[in-house]
């Protein structure tokens, strides 16, 4: 019988930080925080796209 124990190390830090921020958002102002999360996601996405373009070249 296995005990599925998820340690703090196994959880990606980015995801953990995002989840914590989401909780903070729910407590505070939802709209503003959602915009911030979307903005960060968009920046990460654009960085990924740029990396792919560089690799293709």
N, C-alpha and C. Protein backbone atom coordinates (compact mmCIF):
# COMPACT_ATOMS: atom_id res chain seq x y z
N UNK A 1 0.83 -1.20 0.00
CA UNK A 1 0.00 0.00 0.00
C UNK A 1 0.88 1.26 0.00
N UNK A 2 0.65 2.10 -0.99
CA UNK A 2 1.46 3.30 -1.13
C UNK A 2 0.77 4.52 -0.53
N UNK A 3 1.59 5.36 0.08
CA UNK A 3 1.09 6.61 0.62
C UNK A 3 1.53 7.73 -0.31
N UNK A 4 0.57 8.28 -1.04
CA UNK A 4 0.89 9.35 -1.99
C UNK A 4 1.05 10.66 -1.24
N UNK A 5 2.29 10.95 -0.91
CA UNK A 5 2.57 12.19 -0.17
C UNK A 5 3.20 13.20 -1.11
N UNK A 6 2.54 14.32 -1.28
CA UNK A 6 3.05 15.37 -2.15
C UNK A 6 3.79 16.38 -1.29
N UNK A 7 5.11 16.38 -1.45
CA UNK A 7 5.94 17.32 -0.72
C UNK A 7 5.95 18.68 -1.40
N UNK A 8 6.36 19.68 -0.66
CA UNK A 8 6.41 21.04 -1.20
C UNK A 8 7.44 21.15 -2.32
N UNK A 9 8.44 20.23 -2.31
CA UNK A 9 9.49 20.25 -3.33
C UNK A 9 8.96 19.79 -4.69
N UNK A 10 8.03 18.84 -4.67
CA UNK A 10 7.50 18.28 -5.92
C UNK A 10 6.58 19.25 -6.66
N UNK A 11 6.01 20.19 -5.93
CA UNK A 11 5.12 21.17 -6.55
C UNK A 11 5.97 22.28 -7.19
N UNK A 12 5.75 22.53 -8.49
CA UNK A 12 6.51 23.63 -9.13
C UNK A 12 6.25 24.95 -8.42
N UNK A 13 7.33 25.70 -8.21
CA UNK A 13 7.22 26.95 -7.45
C UNK A 13 6.32 27.96 -8.13
N UNK A 14 6.38 28.03 -9.45
CA UNK A 14 5.55 28.97 -10.19
C UNK A 14 4.07 28.72 -9.96
N UNK A 15 3.70 27.44 -10.04
CA UNK A 15 2.31 27.05 -9.85
C UNK A 15 1.86 27.37 -8.43
N UNK A 16 2.74 27.06 -7.47
CA UNK A 16 2.44 27.31 -6.05
C UNK A 16 2.23 28.80 -5.81
N UNK A 17 3.10 29.61 -6.40
CA UNK A 17 3.02 31.06 -6.25
C UNK A 17 1.73 31.58 -6.88
N UNK A 18 1.39 31.02 -8.04
CA UNK A 18 0.18 31.43 -8.74
C UNK A 18 -1.06 31.10 -7.91
N UNK A 19 -1.08 29.90 -7.35
CA UNK A 19 -2.21 29.46 -6.53
C UNK A 19 -2.36 30.34 -5.30
N UNK A 20 -1.22 30.69 -4.68
CA UNK A 20 -1.23 31.54 -3.50
C UNK A 20 -1.78 32.92 -3.86
N UNK A 21 -1.37 33.42 -5.03
CA UNK A 21 -1.82 34.72 -5.50
C UNK A 21 -3.32 34.68 -5.79
N UNK A 22 -3.78 33.57 -6.36
CA UNK A 22 -5.20 33.40 -6.66
C UNK A 22 -6.02 33.49 -5.38
N UNK A 23 -5.53 32.84 -4.32
CA UNK A 23 -6.20 32.88 -3.02
C UNK A 23 -6.25 34.30 -2.48
N UNK A 24 -5.11 35.01 -2.62
CA UNK A 24 -5.04 36.40 -2.19
C UNK A 24 -6.02 37.26 -2.97
N UNK A 25 -6.14 36.95 -4.27
CA UNK A 25 -7.06 37.69 -5.14
C UNK A 25 -8.48 37.53 -4.67
N UNK A 26 -8.85 36.28 -4.36
CA UNK A 26 -10.21 36.01 -3.92
C UNK A 26 -10.54 36.79 -2.66
N UNK A 27 -9.54 36.94 -1.80
CA UNK A 27 -9.72 37.70 -0.56
C UNK A 27 -9.85 39.20 -0.88
N UNK A 28 -8.97 39.69 -1.76
CA UNK A 28 -8.94 41.11 -2.09
C UNK A 28 -9.79 41.39 -3.34
N UNK A 29 -9.26 42.16 -4.27
CA UNK A 29 -10.02 42.52 -5.46
C UNK A 29 -9.77 41.52 -6.58
N UNK A 30 -10.81 40.82 -6.99
CA UNK A 30 -10.68 39.75 -7.97
C UNK A 30 -10.28 40.25 -9.35
N UNK A 31 -10.97 41.26 -9.84
CA UNK A 31 -10.76 41.77 -11.19
C UNK A 31 -9.32 42.17 -11.48
N UNK A 32 -8.77 43.01 -10.62
CA UNK A 32 -7.42 43.52 -10.79
C UNK A 32 -6.40 42.38 -10.80
N UNK A 33 -6.60 41.43 -9.89
CA UNK A 33 -5.67 40.32 -9.77
C UNK A 33 -5.73 39.42 -10.99
N UNK A 34 -6.92 39.17 -11.49
CA UNK A 34 -7.09 38.34 -12.68
C UNK A 34 -6.35 38.95 -13.87
N UNK A 35 -6.44 40.28 -14.00
CA UNK A 35 -5.72 40.99 -15.06
C UNK A 35 -4.22 40.77 -14.91
N UNK A 36 -3.73 40.85 -13.69
CA UNK A 36 -2.31 40.65 -13.39
C UNK A 36 -1.85 39.24 -13.78
N UNK A 37 -2.66 38.24 -13.43
CA UNK A 37 -2.36 36.85 -13.75
C UNK A 37 -2.35 36.65 -15.27
N UNK A 38 -3.36 37.20 -15.95
CA UNK A 38 -3.44 37.09 -17.41
C UNK A 38 -2.24 37.76 -18.07
N UNK A 39 -1.86 38.92 -17.53
CA UNK A 39 -0.71 39.67 -18.05
C UNK A 39 0.57 38.85 -17.94
N UNK A 40 0.77 38.24 -16.78
CA UNK A 40 1.96 37.42 -16.53
C UNK A 40 1.98 36.21 -17.47
N UNK A 41 0.80 35.60 -17.64
CA UNK A 41 0.67 34.46 -18.54
C UNK A 41 0.98 34.84 -19.98
N UNK A 42 0.52 36.02 -20.38
CA UNK A 42 0.75 36.53 -21.73
C UNK A 42 2.23 36.78 -21.97
N UNK A 43 2.91 37.34 -20.97
CA UNK A 43 4.35 37.61 -21.05
C UNK A 43 5.11 36.29 -21.21
N UNK A 44 4.76 35.29 -20.40
CA UNK A 44 5.39 33.97 -20.49
C UNK A 44 5.16 33.34 -21.85
N UNK A 45 3.94 33.48 -22.37
CA UNK A 45 3.58 32.93 -23.67
C UNK A 45 4.40 33.59 -24.78
N UNK A 46 4.51 34.91 -24.74
CA UNK A 46 5.27 35.64 -25.75
C UNK A 46 6.75 35.26 -25.71
N UNK A 47 7.28 35.03 -24.50
CA UNK A 47 8.66 34.60 -24.34
C UNK A 47 8.87 33.23 -24.98
N UNK A 48 7.91 32.34 -24.77
CA UNK A 48 7.96 31.00 -25.37
C UNK A 48 7.94 31.08 -26.88
N UNK A 49 7.06 31.91 -27.42
CA UNK A 49 6.94 32.09 -28.87
C UNK A 49 8.25 32.62 -29.44
N UNK A 50 8.84 33.60 -28.78
CA UNK A 50 10.13 34.16 -29.21
C UNK A 50 11.22 33.10 -29.23
N UNK A 51 11.26 32.26 -28.21
CA UNK A 51 12.24 31.18 -28.11
C UNK A 51 12.07 30.19 -29.27
N UNK A 52 10.83 29.87 -29.61
CA UNK A 52 10.54 28.95 -30.70
C UNK A 52 10.98 29.56 -32.04
N UNK A 53 10.71 30.85 -32.23
CA UNK A 53 11.11 31.54 -33.46
C UNK A 53 12.63 31.52 -33.61
N UNK A 54 13.33 31.77 -32.53
CA UNK A 54 14.81 31.75 -32.53
C UNK A 54 15.31 30.35 -32.89
N UNK A 55 14.68 29.32 -32.32
CA UNK A 55 15.07 27.93 -32.60
C UNK A 55 14.84 27.57 -34.07
N UNK A 56 13.73 28.03 -34.63
CA UNK A 56 13.42 27.76 -36.03
C UNK A 56 14.48 28.41 -36.94
N UNK A 57 14.87 29.61 -36.64
CA UNK A 57 15.90 30.31 -37.41
C UNK A 57 17.23 29.61 -37.19
